[in-house]
């Protein structure tokens, strides 16, 4: 885990130093959203969840950005609303943003990448009952990018899909947990 954090920090610092000579290559985005699981977790159904992601992206070439971020998503057990099913961790990947027509403020956005998350089951006092290690999953999605004038701000409505499989130990027995969900989000982005 420490090695991954060190590598991510080094990449961010190197990209930051490179950006001192490059204008409008960076953007920051905050994206809250609603999450809908595609299947039950074992015999347990989860309620509609919510969450957010904060990400930083760098324009690698025209229309193609590399992104890194951190996110949090929370669900509740449908049969026991006092138990939260949370996932937190990191996101990384590429997003392609291309204008729908020349000179338009509206672009389409396609993103694909990985997630490095873990799952926590918590009670209503925020005490962790069970937790998994971090592990790799994937995400992909699409949406629109609407530029709000010449000040670098954009609105980004998006829909995406995330998948994460982790082992959770319950009563000394490991059980495979597959968390697959669809995300409907509205991001706000600032280019600098």
C-alpha atoms as a PDB file:
ATOM      1  CA  UNK A   1       0.000   0.000   0.000  1.00  0.00           C
ATOM      2  CA  UNK A   2       2.829   2.406   0.867  1.00  0.00           C
ATOM      3  CA  UNK A   3       4.522   1.650  -2.462  1.00  0.00           C
ATOM      4  CA  UNK A   4       1.321   2.478  -4.370  1.00  0.00           C
ATOM      5  CA  UNK A   5       0.927   5.775  -2.517  1.00  0.00           C
ATOM      6  CA  UNK A   6       4.578   6.670  -3.173  1.00  0.00           C
ATOM      7  CA  UNK A   7       4.247   5.924  -6.898  1.00  0.00           C
ATOM      8  CA  UNK A   8       1.010   7.937  -7.155  1.00  0.00           C
ATOM      9  CA  UNK A   9       2.547  10.883  -5.285  1.00  0.00           C
ATOM     10  CA  UNK A  10       5.661  10.836  -7.508  1.00  0.00           C
ATOM     11  CA  UNK A  11       3.566  10.817 -10.688  1.00  0.00           C
ATOM     12  CA  UNK A  12       1.436  13.710  -9.448  1.00  0.00           C
ATOM     13  CA  UNK A  13       4.510  15.764  -8.512  1.00  0.00           C
ATOM     14  CA  UNK A  14       6.162  15.116 -11.885  1.00  0.00           C
ATOM     15  CA  UNK A  15       3.001  16.064 -13.753  1.00  0.00           C
ATOM     16  CA  UNK A  16       2.657  19.196 -11.602  1.00  0.00           C
ATOM     17  CA  UNK A  17       6.223  20.281 -12.392  1.00  0.00           C
ATOM     18  CA  UNK A  18       5.584  19.706 -16.095  1.00  0.00           C
ATOM     19  CA  UNK A  19       2.421  21.795 -15.914  1.00  0.00           C
ATOM     20  CA  UNK A  20       4.289  24.915 -14.835  1.00  0.00           C
ATOM     21  CA  UNK A  21       4.914  25.530 -18.534  1.00  0.00           C
ATOM     22  CA  UNK A  22       1.517  24.306 -19.745  1.00  0.00           C
ATOM     23  CA  UNK A  23      -1.720  26.275 -19.454  1.00  0.00           C
ATOM     24  CA  UNK A  24      -5.153  24.650 -19.239  1.00  0.00           C
ATOM     25  CA  UNK A  25      -3.789  21.097 -19.106  1.00  0.00           C
ATOM     26  CA  UNK A  26      -5.100  20.331 -15.610  1.00  0.00           C
ATOM     27  CA  UNK A  27      -8.636  19.989 -14.377  1.00  0.00           C
ATOM     28  CA  UNK A  28     -10.179  19.164 -11.031  1.00  0.00           C
ATOM     29  CA  UNK A  29     -13.616  17.590 -10.728  1.00  0.00           C
ATOM     30  CA  UNK A  30     -16.034  16.933  -7.884  1.00  0.00           C
ATOM     31  CA  UNK A  31     -18.717  14.403  -8.832  1.00  0.00           C
ATOM     32  CA  UNK A  32     -21.541  13.409  -6.449  1.00  0.00           C
ATOM     33  CA  UNK A  33     -23.874  10.659  -7.578  1.00  0.00           C
ATOM     34  CA  UNK A  34     -26.485   7.992  -6.924  1.00  0.00           C
ATOM     35  CA  UNK A  35     -25.546   4.301  -7.014  1.00  0.00           C
ATOM     36  CA  UNK A  36     -27.781   1.381  -8.018  1.00  0.00           C
ATOM     37  CA  UNK A  37     -26.504  -2.162  -7.426  1.00  0.00           C
ATOM     38  CA  UNK A  38     -27.075  -4.612 -10.254  1.00  0.00           C
ATOM     39  CA  UNK A  39     -27.362  -7.671  -7.995  1.00  0.00           C
ATOM     40  CA  UNK A  40     -27.708  -8.676  -4.360  1.00  0.00           C
ATOM     41  CA  UNK A  41     -24.667  -9.302  -2.165  1.00  0.00           C
ATOM     42  CA  UNK A  42     -25.223 -12.980  -1.420  1.00  0.00           C
ATOM     43  CA  UNK A  43     -28.759 -13.139   0.007  1.00  0.00           C
ATOM     44  CA  UNK A  44     -28.723  -9.469   1.024  1.00  0.00           C
ATOM     45  CA  UNK A  45     -30.139  -6.650  -1.065  1.00  0.00           C
ATOM     46  CA  UNK A  46     -28.645  -3.177  -0.780  1.00  0.00           C
ATOM     47  CA  UNK A  47     -30.611   0.067  -0.951  1.00  0.00           C
ATOM     48  CA  UNK A  48     -29.891   2.832  -3.454  1.00  0.00           C
ATOM     49  CA  UNK A  49     -26.550   4.292  -2.480  1.00  0.00           C
ATOM     50  CA  UNK A  50     -24.879   7.628  -2.770  1.00  0.00           C
ATOM     51  CA  UNK A  51     -21.323   8.814  -3.009  1.00  0.00           C
ATOM     52  CA  UNK A  52     -18.833  11.174  -4.528  1.00  0.00           C
ATOM     53  CA  UNK A  53     -15.468  11.299  -6.229  1.00  0.00           C
ATOM     54  CA  UNK A  54     -12.845  14.025  -6.319  1.00  0.00           C
ATOM     55  CA  UNK A  55     -10.404  13.704  -9.207  1.00  0.00           C
ATOM     56  CA  UNK A  56      -7.521  15.492 -10.836  1.00  0.00           C
ATOM     57  CA  UNK A  57      -6.839  15.025 -14.541  1.00  0.00           C
ATOM     58  CA  UNK A  58      -4.064  15.998 -16.903  1.00  0.00           C
ATOM     59  CA  UNK A  59      -4.449  16.509 -20.661  1.00  0.00           C
ATOM     60  CA  UNK A  60      -1.973  14.050 -22.171  1.00  0.00           C
ATOM     61  CA  UNK A  61      -2.818  14.910 -25.780  1.00  0.00           C
ATOM     62  CA  UNK A  62      -5.700  16.787 -27.372  1.00  0.00           C
ATOM     63  CA  UNK A  63      -9.007  15.255 -26.179  1.00  0.00           C
ATOM     64  CA  UNK A  64      -7.324  12.589 -23.985  1.00  0.00           C
ATOM     65  CA  UNK A  65      -6.910  13.074 -20.223  1.00  0.00           C
ATOM     66  CA  UNK A  66      -5.365  10.829 -17.586  1.00  0.00           C
ATOM     67  CA  UNK A  67      -7.118  11.007 -14.208  1.00  0.00           C
ATOM     68  CA  UNK A  68      -6.517   9.985 -10.595  1.00  0.00           C
ATOM     69  CA  UNK A  69      -8.938  10.438  -7.739  1.00  0.00           C
ATOM     70  CA  UNK A  70     -10.480   9.257  -4.507  1.00  0.00           C
ATOM     71  CA  UNK A  71     -14.069   8.247  -3.928  1.00  0.00           C
ATOM     72  CA  UNK A  72     -16.573   7.133  -1.316  1.00  0.00           C
ATOM     73  CA  UNK A  73     -19.842   5.249  -1.853  1.00  0.00           C
ATOM     74  CA  UNK A  74     -22.326   4.096   0.783  1.00  0.00           C
ATOM     75  CA  UNK A  75     -25.234   1.665   0.698  1.00  0.00           C
ATOM     76  CA  UNK A  76     -27.449   0.221   3.432  1.00  0.00           C
ATOM     77  CA  UNK A  77     -28.700  -3.304   3.911  1.00  0.00           C
ATOM     78  CA  UNK A  78     -32.344  -3.327   2.827  1.00  0.00           C
ATOM     79  CA  UNK A  79     -33.388  -5.576   5.738  1.00  0.00           C
ATOM     80  CA  UNK A  80     -31.284  -3.696   8.347  1.00  0.00           C
ATOM     81  CA  UNK A  81     -30.905   0.067   7.689  1.00  0.00           C
ATOM     82  CA  UNK A  82     -28.628   0.414  10.734  1.00  0.00           C
ATOM     83  CA  UNK A  83     -25.819  -1.341   8.846  1.00  0.00           C
ATOM     84  CA  UNK A  84     -23.846   0.551   6.188  1.00  0.00           C
ATOM     85  CA  UNK A  85     -21.999  -1.099   3.333  1.00  0.00           C
ATOM     86  CA  UNK A  86     -19.284   1.366   2.273  1.00  0.00           C
ATOM     87  CA  UNK A  87     -16.586   1.310  -0.348  1.00  0.00           C
ATOM     88  CA  UNK A  88     -13.707   3.786  -0.452  1.00  0.00           C
ATOM     89  CA  UNK A  89     -10.542   4.053  -2.443  1.00  0.00           C
ATOM     90  CA  UNK A  90      -8.777   5.341  -5.483  1.00  0.00           C
ATOM     91  CA  UNK A  91      -9.655   5.734  -9.156  1.00  0.00           C
ATOM     92  CA  UNK A  92      -7.359   6.054 -12.159  1.00  0.00           C
ATOM     93  CA  UNK A  93      -7.651   5.858 -15.911  1.00  0.00           C
ATOM     94  CA  UNK A  94      -8.289   7.851 -19.059  1.00  0.00           C
ATOM     95  CA  UNK A  95     -11.139  10.000 -20.305  1.00  0.00           C
ATOM     96  CA  UNK A  96     -11.734  11.095 -23.860  1.00  0.00           C
ATOM     97  CA  UNK A  97     -13.542  14.438 -24.220  1.00  0.00           C
ATOM     98  CA  UNK A  98     -14.392  15.531 -27.777  1.00  0.00           C
ATOM     99  CA  UNK A  99     -16.611  18.426 -28.979  1.00  0.00           C
ATOM    100  CA  UNK A 100     -19.871  17.333 -30.582  1.00  0.00           C
ATOM    101  CA  UNK A 101     -19.314  19.956 -33.291  1.00  0.00           C
ATOM    102  CA  UNK A 102     -16.558  22.464 -34.000  1.00  0.00           C
ATOM    103  CA  UNK A 103     -16.775  25.497 -31.722  1.00  0.00           C
ATOM    104  CA  UNK A 104     -19.472  23.903 -29.552  1.00  0.00           C
ATOM    105  CA  UNK A 105     -19.560  24.226 -25.747  1.00  0.00           C
ATOM    106  CA  UNK A 106     -20.938  20.668 -25.613  1.00  0.00           C
ATOM    107  CA  UNK A 107     -18.659  17.620 -25.790  1.00  0.00           C
ATOM    108  CA  UNK A 108     -19.162  13.922 -25.248  1.00  0.00           C
ATOM    109  CA  UNK A 109     -17.088  12.173 -22.608  1.00  0.00           C
ATOM    110  CA  UNK A 110     -15.981   8.535 -22.435  1.00  0.00           C
ATOM    111  CA  UNK A 111     -13.958   7.206 -19.501  1.00  0.00           C
ATOM    112  CA  UNK A 112     -12.407   3.879 -18.603  1.00  0.00           C
ATOM    113  CA  UNK A 113     -10.084   2.895 -15.833  1.00  0.00           C
ATOM    114  CA  UNK A 114      -9.467   1.043 -12.636  1.00  0.00           C
ATOM    115  CA  UNK A 115     -10.487   1.355  -9.037  1.00  0.00           C
ATOM    116  CA  UNK A 116      -8.410   0.335  -6.027  1.00  0.00           C
ATOM    117  CA  UNK A 117     -11.019   0.109  -3.279  1.00  0.00           C
ATOM    118  CA  UNK A 118     -11.948  -1.751  -0.138  1.00  0.00           C
ATOM    119  CA  UNK A 119     -15.288  -2.556   1.476  1.00  0.00           C
ATOM    120  CA  UNK A 120     -16.307  -1.794   5.061  1.00  0.00           C
ATOM    121  CA  UNK A 121     -19.430  -2.897   6.874  1.00  0.00           C
ATOM    122  CA  UNK A 122     -20.240  -0.419   9.652  1.00  0.00           C
ATOM    123  CA  UNK A 123     -22.929  -0.024  12.296  1.00  0.00           C
ATOM    124  CA  UNK A 124     -24.850   3.214  12.916  1.00  0.00           C
ATOM    125  CA  UNK A 125     -22.082   4.378  15.326  1.00  0.00           C
ATOM    126  CA  UNK A 126     -19.554   4.218  12.446  1.00  0.00           C
ATOM    127  CA  UNK A 127     -17.821   1.247  14.098  1.00  0.00           C
ATOM    128  CA  UNK A 128     -16.296  -1.114  11.537  1.00  0.00           C
ATOM    129  CA  UNK A 129     -17.806  -4.596  11.836  1.00  0.00           C
ATOM    130  CA  UNK A 130     -15.931  -6.169   8.904  1.00  0.00           C
ATOM    131  CA  UNK A 131     -13.527  -4.856   6.278  1.00  0.00           C
ATOM    132  CA  UNK A 132     -11.687  -6.164   3.251  1.00  0.00           C
ATOM    133  CA  UNK A 133      -8.247  -5.352   1.948  1.00  0.00           C
ATOM    134  CA  UNK A 134      -7.911  -2.979  -0.992  1.00  0.00           C
ATOM    135  CA  UNK A 135      -8.146  -4.614  -4.388  1.00  0.00           C
ATOM    136  CA  UNK A 136      -8.425  -3.799  -8.061  1.00  0.00           C
ATOM    137  CA  UNK A 137     -11.697  -3.383  -9.879  1.00  0.00           C
ATOM    138  CA  UNK A 138     -12.738  -1.483 -12.988  1.00  0.00           C
ATOM    139  CA  UNK A 139     -15.000   1.323 -14.119  1.00  0.00           C
ATOM    140  CA  UNK A 140     -16.249   2.745 -17.400  1.00  0.00           C
ATOM    141  CA  UNK A 141     -18.786   5.334 -18.360  1.00  0.00           C
ATOM    142  CA  UNK A 142     -19.886   8.154 -20.566  1.00  0.00           C
ATOM    143  CA  UNK A 143     -21.579  11.487 -20.456  1.00  0.00           C
ATOM    144  CA  UNK A 144     -21.466  15.086 -21.553  1.00  0.00           C
ATOM    145  CA  UNK A 145     -19.169  18.000 -20.801  1.00  0.00           C
ATOM    146  CA  UNK A 146     -20.854  21.399 -21.040  1.00  0.00           C
ATOM    147  CA  UNK A 147     -18.437  24.375 -20.850  1.00  0.00           C
ATOM    148  CA  UNK A 148     -19.915  27.296 -18.879  1.00  0.00           C
ATOM    149  CA  UNK A 149     -18.360  30.277 -20.672  1.00  0.00           C
ATOM    150  CA  UNK A 150     -14.653  31.145 -20.874  1.00  0.00           C
ATOM    151  CA  UNK A 151     -13.765  30.760 -17.195  1.00  0.00           C
ATOM    152  CA  UNK A 152     -12.815  27.055 -17.290  1.00  0.00           C
ATOM    153  CA  UNK A 153     -15.882  25.686 -15.483  1.00  0.00           C
ATOM    154  CA  UNK A 154     -17.856  22.723 -16.881  1.00  0.00           C
ATOM    155  CA  UNK A 155     -20.872  20.645 -15.896  1.00  0.00           C
ATOM    156  CA  UNK A 156     -20.506  16.906 -16.508  1.00  0.00           C
ATOM    157  CA  UNK A 157     -23.598  14.688 -16.260  1.00  0.00           C
ATOM    158  CA  UNK A 158     -22.431  11.076 -16.487  1.00  0.00           C
ATOM    159  CA  UNK A 159     -23.512   7.464 -16.176  1.00  0.00           C
ATOM    160  CA  UNK A 160     -21.040   4.710 -15.370  1.00  0.00           C
ATOM    161  CA  UNK A 161     -20.537   1.154 -14.200  1.00  0.00           C
ATOM    162  CA  UNK A 162     -18.187  -0.070 -11.450  1.00  0.00           C
ATOM    163  CA  UNK A 163     -17.220  -3.591 -10.467  1.00  0.00           C
ATOM    164  CA  UNK A 164     -15.207  -4.748  -7.460  1.00  0.00           C
ATOM    165  CA  UNK A 165     -14.679  -8.274  -6.092  1.00  0.00           C
ATOM    166  CA  UNK A 166     -13.216  -8.755  -2.616  1.00  0.00           C
ATOM    167  CA  UNK A 167     -13.068 -11.513  -0.006  1.00  0.00           C
ATOM    168  CA  UNK A 168     -14.822 -10.761   3.283  1.00  0.00           C
ATOM    169  CA  UNK A 169     -14.334 -12.905   6.376  1.00  0.00           C
ATOM    170  CA  UNK A 170     -17.629 -13.716   8.115  1.00  0.00           C
ATOM    171  CA  UNK A 171     -17.570 -16.065  11.131  1.00  0.00           C
ATOM    172  CA  UNK A 172     -14.078 -17.357  10.209  1.00  0.00           C
ATOM    173  CA  UNK A 173     -15.204 -18.143   6.671  1.00  0.00           C
ATOM    174  CA  UNK A 174     -14.053 -16.190   3.640  1.00  0.00           C
ATOM    175  CA  UNK A 175     -16.838 -15.211   1.307  1.00  0.00           C
ATOM    176  CA  UNK A 176     -16.406 -13.640  -2.132  1.00  0.00           C
ATOM    177  CA  UNK A 177     -18.262 -10.319  -2.403  1.00  0.00           C
ATOM    178  CA  UNK A 178     -19.045  -8.932  -5.863  1.00  0.00           C
ATOM    179  CA  UNK A 179     -20.131  -5.297  -5.755  1.00  0.00           C
ATOM    180  CA  UNK A 180     -21.375  -4.166  -9.159  1.00  0.00           C
ATOM    181  CA  UNK A 181     -23.273  -0.926  -9.508  1.00  0.00           C
ATOM    182  CA  UNK A 182     -24.418   1.758 -11.925  1.00  0.00           C
ATOM    183  CA  UNK A 183     -23.600   5.369 -11.057  1.00  0.00           C
ATOM    184  CA  UNK A 184     -25.625   8.425 -12.140  1.00  0.00           C
ATOM    185  CA  UNK A 185     -23.535  11.505 -11.367  1.00  0.00           C
ATOM    186  CA  UNK A 186     -23.326  15.235 -12.008  1.00  0.00           C
ATOM    187  CA  UNK A 187     -19.792  16.555 -11.861  1.00  0.00           C
ATOM    188  CA  UNK A 188     -18.500  20.076 -11.794  1.00  0.00           C
ATOM    189  CA  UNK A 189     -15.057  20.627 -13.252  1.00  0.00           C
ATOM    190  CA  UNK A 190     -12.551  23.469 -13.338  1.00  0.00           C
ATOM    191  CA  UNK A 191      -9.746  23.623 -15.902  1.00  0.00           C
ATOM    192  CA  UNK A 192      -6.553  25.463 -14.984  1.00  0.00           C
END
